[in-house]
Amino acid sequence: MRSSLLLALVLGVAGCGDKVTFHVVEFPGFSLEVPTALTYDGDPKVEYRAGQTQGQAGRRLFVVGWQPGPNATVDEMPMFMKAMATALPGGASFHAGTPQTLTIAGHPATRLDSQIETMTLSMVDVACGKRSVLIAVGAERGVDEVREHMLASFDCHPIAAEDAAIGTTAVPIGVDDPVPSPAGASRPTATCS
């Protein structure tokens, strides 16, 4: 996940009404029903190991990212948020809530909600095979409804051969430095509709 996530929330963008529409997107080894502002057109084989896509609709931001290793713990989630907070403009207020463990579709997960100025950022990191999937929603209002809609649709279906290629010692590198894709691989792109 990139620090630009917080910056985008603070700065916001113009327009768009409150209604959020959803569609199902197939990501490498998992699928989600996501807001229509978020799409994925990467190569699911090349980008199986790690990737990210994000979309904006008005002052709402949606991010889905994945990387090798287990999902973040309740001790690690606040550190991720603290690292991201360094991207905030000077004087911007930031308050991280209390992380909690939960289960999403039978998979262990960790959730952390934070307040950035008037925006709420909710991040959920879910275990999926030998990777973790980060689902983040940021908005001034309606975050809980959008997040819960996305989480209810989470379907983890790892590809055995791709998961096996990750090995057993995969460790995520960090918030702003995801594990690089294989040589020559392109990064996921996002389009807003």
C-alpha atoms as a PDB file:
ATOM      1  CA  MET A   1       0.000   0.000   0.000  1.00  0.00           C
ATOM      2  CA  ARG A   2       1.238   3.474  -0.782  1.00  0.00           C
ATOM      3  CA  SER A   3       1.411   6.621   1.317  1.00  0.00           C
ATOM      4  CA  SER A   4      -0.555   8.338  -1.450  1.00  0.00           C
ATOM      5  CA  LEU A   5      -3.605   6.612   0.021  1.00  0.00           C
ATOM      6  CA  LEU A   6      -3.662   9.015   2.976  1.00  0.00           C
ATOM      7  CA  LEU A   7      -2.792  12.021   0.850  1.00  0.00           C
ATOM      8  CA  ALA A   8      -5.681  11.265  -1.506  1.00  0.00           C
ATOM      9  CA  LEU A   9      -8.054  11.039   1.454  1.00  0.00           C
ATOM     10  CA  VAL A  10      -6.981  14.366   2.889  1.00  0.00           C
ATOM     11  CA  LEU A  11      -7.035  16.221  -0.416  1.00  0.00           C
ATOM     12  CA  GLY A  12     -10.144  14.499  -1.775  1.00  0.00           C
ATOM     13  CA  VAL A  13     -11.523  15.025  -5.254  1.00  0.00           C
ATOM     14  CA  ALA A  14     -14.539  16.891  -6.552  1.00  0.00           C
ATOM     15  CA  GLY A  15     -18.030  15.721  -7.369  1.00  0.00           C
ATOM     16  CA  CYS A  16     -20.000  12.436  -7.356  1.00  0.00           C
ATOM     17  CA  GLY A  17     -23.081  11.618  -5.349  1.00  0.00           C
ATOM     18  CA  ASP A  18     -23.407   9.349  -2.345  1.00  0.00           C
ATOM     19  CA  LYS A  19     -24.686   6.226  -4.129  1.00  0.00           C
ATOM     20  CA  VAL A  20     -22.109   3.470  -4.468  1.00  0.00           C
ATOM     21  CA  THR A  21     -22.649   0.774  -7.090  1.00  0.00           C
ATOM     22  CA  PHE A  22     -20.732  -2.508  -7.053  1.00  0.00           C
ATOM     23  CA  HIS A  23     -19.435  -5.120  -9.470  1.00  0.00           C
ATOM     24  CA  VAL A  24     -17.501  -8.385  -9.014  1.00  0.00           C
ATOM     25  CA  VAL A  25     -13.786  -8.251  -9.840  1.00  0.00           C
ATOM     26  CA  GLU A  26     -11.590 -11.335 -10.181  1.00  0.00           C
ATOM     27  CA  PHE A  27      -8.146 -10.650  -8.720  1.00  0.00           C
ATOM     28  CA  PRO A  28      -5.242 -13.153  -8.764  1.00  0.00           C
ATOM     29  CA  GLY A  29      -6.511 -15.986  -6.533  1.00  0.00           C
ATOM     30  CA  PHE A  30      -9.432 -14.102  -4.935  1.00  0.00           C
ATOM     31  CA  SER A  31     -12.507 -12.124  -5.902  1.00  0.00           C
ATOM     32  CA  LEU A  32     -14.455  -9.261  -4.368  1.00  0.00           C
ATOM     33  CA  GLU A  33     -17.535  -7.247  -5.093  1.00  0.00           C
ATOM     34  CA  VAL A  34     -16.073  -3.746  -5.239  1.00  0.00           C
ATOM     35  CA  PRO A  35     -17.326  -0.240  -6.056  1.00  0.00           C
ATOM     36  CA  THR A  36     -17.446   0.359  -9.812  1.00  0.00           C
ATOM     37  CA  ALA A  37     -14.701   3.002  -9.459  1.00  0.00           C
ATOM     38  CA  LEU A  38     -12.249   0.151  -8.826  1.00  0.00           C
ATOM     39  CA  THR A  39     -11.197  -2.213 -11.611  1.00  0.00           C
ATOM     40  CA  TYR A  40      -8.302  -4.586 -12.191  1.00  0.00           C
ATOM     41  CA  ASP A  41      -6.772  -5.229 -15.601  1.00  0.00           C
ATOM     42  CA  GLY A  42      -3.407  -6.667 -14.614  1.00  0.00           C
ATOM     43  CA  ASP A  43      -2.053 -10.076 -15.543  1.00  0.00           C
ATOM     44  CA  PRO A  44      -3.255 -12.449 -12.800  1.00  0.00           C
ATOM     45  CA  LYS A  45      -0.393 -14.899 -13.379  1.00  0.00           C
ATOM     46  CA  VAL A  46       2.408 -12.326 -13.496  1.00  0.00           C
ATOM     47  CA  GLU A  47       0.943 -10.342 -10.594  1.00  0.00           C
ATOM     48  CA  TYR A  48      -0.197 -13.272  -8.466  1.00  0.00           C
ATOM     49  CA  ARG A  49       2.563 -12.677  -5.921  1.00  0.00           C
ATOM     50  CA  ALA A  50       1.930  -8.986  -5.214  1.00  0.00           C
ATOM     51  CA  GLY A  51      -0.063  -6.092  -6.607  1.00  0.00           C
ATOM     52  CA  GLN A  52      -2.393  -3.224  -5.885  1.00  0.00           C
ATOM     53  CA  THR A  53      -5.225  -1.337  -7.502  1.00  0.00           C
ATOM     54  CA  GLN A  54      -7.223   1.642  -6.320  1.00  0.00           C
ATOM     55  CA  GLY A  55     -10.087   3.826  -7.477  1.00  0.00           C
ATOM     56  CA  GLN A  56     -11.801   7.017  -6.402  1.00  0.00           C
ATOM     57  CA  ALA A  57     -15.418   8.120  -6.609  1.00  0.00           C
ATOM     58  CA  GLY A  58     -15.959  11.621  -5.315  1.00  0.00           C
ATOM     59  CA  ARG A  59     -14.317  11.818  -1.896  1.00  0.00           C
ATOM     60  CA  ARG A  60     -14.301   8.036  -1.516  1.00  0.00           C
ATOM     61  CA  LEU A  61     -11.166   5.965  -2.009  1.00  0.00           C
ATOM     62  CA  PHE A  62     -11.070   2.184  -2.456  1.00  0.00           C
ATOM     63  CA  VAL A  63      -7.857   0.134  -2.370  1.00  0.00           C
ATOM     64  CA  VAL A  64      -7.223  -3.572  -2.819  1.00  0.00           C
ATOM     65  CA  GLY A  65      -3.658  -4.873  -2.537  1.00  0.00           C
ATOM     66  CA  TRP A  66      -1.985  -8.218  -1.950  1.00  0.00           C
ATOM     67  CA  GLN A  67       1.480  -9.390  -0.983  1.00  0.00           C
ATOM     68  CA  PRO A  68       3.217 -12.562   0.228  1.00  0.00           C
ATOM     69  CA  GLY A  69       3.125 -13.448   3.899  1.00  0.00           C
ATOM     70  CA  PRO A  70       0.530 -13.667   6.648  1.00  0.00           C
ATOM     71  CA  ASN A  71      -1.997 -10.960   7.366  1.00  0.00           C
ATOM     72  CA  ALA A  72      -0.896  -8.149   9.671  1.00  0.00           C
ATOM     73  CA  THR A  73      -1.243  -8.660  13.412  1.00  0.00           C
ATOM     74  CA  VAL A  74      -2.912  -6.244  15.843  1.00  0.00           C
ATOM     75  CA  ASP A  75       0.590  -5.054  16.758  1.00  0.00           C
ATOM     76  CA  GLU A  76       1.651  -4.488  13.137  1.00  0.00           C
ATOM     77  CA  MET A  77      -1.438  -2.655  11.828  1.00  0.00           C
ATOM     78  CA  PRO A  78      -0.823   0.549  13.841  1.00  0.00           C
ATOM     79  CA  MET A  79       2.791   0.593  12.599  1.00  0.00           C
ATOM     80  CA  PHE A  80       1.532   0.477   8.987  1.00  0.00           C
ATOM     81  CA  MET A  81      -0.789   3.390   9.698  1.00  0.00           C
ATOM     82  CA  LYS A  82       1.947   5.368  11.438  1.00  0.00           C
ATOM     83  CA  ALA A  83       4.244   4.890   8.432  1.00  0.00           C
ATOM     84  CA  MET A  84       1.478   6.041   6.085  1.00  0.00           C
ATOM     85  CA  ALA A  85       0.757   9.081   8.266  1.00  0.00           C
ATOM     86  CA  THR A  86       4.175  10.513   7.405  1.00  0.00           C
ATOM     87  CA  ALA A  87       2.699  11.405   3.985  1.00  0.00           C
ATOM     88  CA  LEU A  88       0.110  13.726   5.520  1.00  0.00           C
ATOM     89  CA  PRO A  89       0.509  17.450   4.965  1.00  0.00           C
ATOM     90  CA  GLY A  90       1.777  19.327   8.025  1.00  0.00           C
ATOM     91  CA  GLY A  91      -0.933  20.035  10.567  1.00  0.00           C
ATOM     92  CA  ALA A  92      -3.359  17.359   9.325  1.00  0.00           C
ATOM     93  CA  SER A  93      -5.028  15.572  12.219  1.00  0.00           C
ATOM     94  CA  PHE A  94      -4.713  11.794  12.438  1.00  0.00           C
ATOM     95  CA  HIS A  95      -6.006   9.324  15.010  1.00  0.00           C
ATOM     96  CA  ALA A  96      -5.687   5.531  14.749  1.00  0.00           C
ATOM     97  CA  GLY A  97      -8.285   3.395  16.477  1.00  0.00           C
ATOM     98  CA  THR A  98      -7.753   0.061  18.197  1.00  0.00           C
ATOM     99  CA  PRO A  99      -6.954  -2.856  15.867  1.00  0.00           C
ATOM    100  CA  GLN A 100      -9.065  -5.975  16.155  1.00  0.00           C
ATOM    101  CA  THR A 101      -8.934  -9.541  14.924  1.00  0.00           C
ATOM    102  CA  LEU A 102     -11.824 -11.052  13.007  1.00  0.00           C
ATOM    103  CA  THR A 103     -12.617 -13.762  10.502  1.00  0.00           C
ATOM    104  CA  ILE A 104     -13.617 -13.037   6.900  1.00  0.00           C
ATOM    105  CA  ALA A 105     -15.118 -15.983   4.993  1.00  0.00           C
ATOM    106  CA  GLY A 106     -13.264 -18.355   7.328  1.00  0.00           C
ATOM    107  CA  HIS A 107      -9.893 -16.577   6.971  1.00  0.00           C
ATOM    108  CA  PRO A 108      -8.065 -14.756   9.789  1.00  0.00           C
ATOM    109  CA  ALA A 109      -8.083 -10.984   9.403  1.00  0.00           C
ATOM    110  CA  THR A 110      -7.098  -7.801  11.212  1.00  0.00           C
ATOM    111  CA  ARG A 111      -9.018  -4.514  11.015  1.00  0.00           C
ATOM    112  CA  LEU A 112      -7.969  -0.975  11.892  1.00  0.00           C
ATOM    113  CA  ASP A 113     -10.099   2.144  11.525  1.00  0.00           C
ATOM    114  CA  SER A 114      -8.497   5.584  11.639  1.00  0.00           C
ATOM    115  CA  GLN A 115      -9.655   9.159  11.458  1.00  0.00           C
ATOM    116  CA  ILE A 116      -7.801  11.547   9.122  1.00  0.00           C
ATOM    117  CA  GLU A 117      -9.224  15.059   9.328  1.00  0.00           C
ATOM    118  CA  THR A 118     -12.946  14.451   8.569  1.00  0.00           C
ATOM    119  CA  MET A 119     -12.291  11.167   6.741  1.00  0.00           C
ATOM    120  CA  THR A 120     -12.521   7.642   8.092  1.00  0.00           C
ATOM    121  CA  LEU A 121     -10.068   5.079   6.728  1.00  0.00           C
ATOM    122  CA  SER A 122     -10.917   1.436   7.387  1.00  0.00           C
ATOM    123  CA  MET A 123      -8.271  -1.170   6.544  1.00  0.00           C
ATOM    124  CA  VAL A 124      -8.767  -4.938   6.726  1.00  0.00           C
ATOM    125  CA  ASP A 125      -5.875  -7.337   6.071  1.00  0.00           C
ATOM    126  CA  VAL A 126      -7.081 -10.889   5.303  1.00  0.00           C
ATOM    127  CA  ALA A 127      -5.050 -14.106   5.002  1.00  0.00           C
ATOM    128  CA  CYS A 128      -5.541 -15.834   1.629  1.00  0.00           C
ATOM    129  CA  GLY A 129      -3.284 -18.794   0.894  1.00  0.00           C
ATOM    130  CA  LYS A 130       0.361 -17.713   1.257  1.00  0.00           C
ATOM    131  CA  ARG A 131      -0.543 -14.045   0.805  1.00  0.00           C
ATOM    132  CA  SER A 132      -2.519 -11.377   2.585  1.00  0.00           C
ATOM    133  CA  VAL A 133      -5.139  -9.196   0.942  1.00  0.00           C
ATOM    134  CA  LEU A 134      -5.572  -5.608   2.096  1.00  0.00           C
ATOM    135  CA  ILE A 135      -9.008  -4.055   1.588  1.00  0.00           C
ATOM    136  CA  ALA A 136      -9.251  -0.352   2.418  1.00  0.00           C
ATOM    137  CA  VAL A 137     -12.120   2.115   2.200  1.00  0.00           C
ATOM    138  CA  GLY A 138     -11.800   5.813   2.956  1.00  0.00           C
ATOM    139  CA  ALA A 139     -14.619   8.364   3.009  1.00  0.00           C
ATOM    140  CA  GLU A 140     -16.287  11.034   5.115  1.00  0.00           C
ATOM    141  CA  ARG A 141     -19.363   8.831   5.608  1.00  0.00           C
ATOM    142  CA  GLY A 142     -20.702   5.400   4.651  1.00  0.00           C
ATOM    143  CA  VAL A 143     -17.400   3.587   5.218  1.00  0.00           C
ATOM    144  CA  ASP A 144     -18.898   0.779   7.318  1.00  0.00           C
ATOM    145  CA  GLU A 145     -21.567  -0.090   4.747  1.00  0.00           C
ATOM    146  CA  VAL A 146     -19.134  -0.165   1.816  1.00  0.00           C
ATOM    147  CA  ARG A 147     -16.496  -2.123   3.751  1.00  0.00           C
ATOM    148  CA  GLU A 148     -19.013  -4.714   4.968  1.00  0.00           C
ATOM    149  CA  HIS A 149     -20.440  -5.141   1.462  1.00  0.00           C
ATOM    150  CA  MET A 150     -16.954  -5.818   0.106  1.00  0.00           C
ATOM    151  CA  LEU A 151     -15.976  -8.172   2.945  1.00  0.00           C
ATOM    152  CA  ALA A 152     -19.198 -10.195   2.632  1.00  0.00           C
ATOM    153  CA  SER A 153     -18.256 -10.969  -0.977  1.00  0.00           C
ATOM    154  CA  PHE A 154     -14.618 -11.971  -0.289  1.00  0.00           C
ATOM    155  CA  ASP A 155     -13.822 -15.284  -1.982  1.00  0.00           C
ATOM    156  CA  CYS A 156     -10.279 -16.606  -1.519  1.00  0.00           C
ATOM    157  CA  HIS A 157      -9.349 -19.282  -4.065  1.00  0.00           C
ATOM    158  CA  PRO A 158      -5.550 -19.516  -4.237  1.00  0.00           C
ATOM    159  CA  ILE A 159      -4.004 -21.136  -7.279  1.00  0.00           C
ATOM    160  CA  ALA A 160      -2.029 -24.077  -5.866  1.00  0.00           C
ATOM    161  CA  ALA A 161       0.908 -23.880  -8.300  1.00  0.00           C
ATOM    162  CA  GLU A 162       1.249 -20.110  -7.861  1.00  0.00           C
ATOM    163  CA  ASP A 163       0.980 -20.363  -4.081  1.00  0.00           C
ATOM    164  CA  ALA A 164       3.618 -23.117  -4.032  1.00  0.00           C
ATOM    165  CA  ALA A 165       5.998 -20.871  -6.002  1.00  0.00           C
ATOM    166  CA  ILE A 166       5.864 -18.282  -3.222  1.00  0.00           C
ATOM    167  CA  GLY A 167       7.581 -20.712  -0.850  1.00  0.00           C
ATOM    168  CA  THR A 168       7.334 -20.822   2.904  1.00  0.00           C
ATOM    169  CA  THR A 169       9.566 -17.901   3.867  1.00  0.00           C
ATOM    170  CA  ALA A 170       7.747 -15.043   2.110  1.00  0.00           C
ATOM    171  CA  VAL A 171       7.803 -11.903   4.206  1.00  0.00           C
ATOM    172  CA  PRO A 172       6.227  -8.614   3.123  1.00  0.00           C
ATOM    173  CA  ILE A 173       8.796  -5.826   2.720  1.00  0.00           C
ATOM    174  CA  GLY A 174       6.773  -2.881   3.946  1.00  0.00           C
ATOM    175  CA  VAL A 175       3.996  -0.379   3.534  1.00  0.00           C
ATOM    176  CA  ASP A 176       5.547   1.620   0.696  1.00  0.00           C
ATOM    177  CA  ASP A 177       7.737  -1.078  -0.804  1.00  0.00           C
ATOM    178  CA  PRO A 178       5.704  -4.134  -1.827  1.00  0.00           C
ATOM    179  CA  VAL A 179       7.542  -7.244  -2.953  1.00  0.00           C
ATOM    180  CA  PRO A 180       8.480  -6.567  -6.581  1.00  0.00           C
ATOM    181  CA  SER A 181       6.851  -8.511  -9.401  1.00  0.00           C
ATOM    182  CA  PRO A 182       9.026 -10.865 -11.448  1.00  0.00           C
ATOM    183  CA  ALA A 183      11.422  -9.197 -13.914  1.00  0.00           C
ATOM    184  CA  GLY A 184       9.603  -7.479 -16.739  1.00  0.00           C
ATOM    185  CA  ALA A 185       6.209  -7.601 -15.029  1.00  0.00           C
ATOM    186  CA  SER A 186       3.966  -4.576 -15.123  1.00  0.00           C
ATOM    187  CA  ARG A 187       2.205  -3.229 -12.061  1.00  0.00           C
ATOM    188  CA  PRO A 188      -1.605  -3.292 -11.730  1.00  0.00           C
ATOM    189  CA  THR A 189      -3.406  -0.237 -12.975  1.00  0.00           C
ATOM    190  CA  ALA A 190      -6.658   1.303 -11.849  1.00  0.00           C
ATOM    191  CA  THR A 191      -9.324   3.076 -13.817  1.00  0.00           C
ATOM    192  CA  CYS A 192     -12.168   5.113 -12.413  1.00  0.00           C
ATOM    193  CA  SER A 193     -15.618   4.950 -13.929  1.00  0.00           C
END
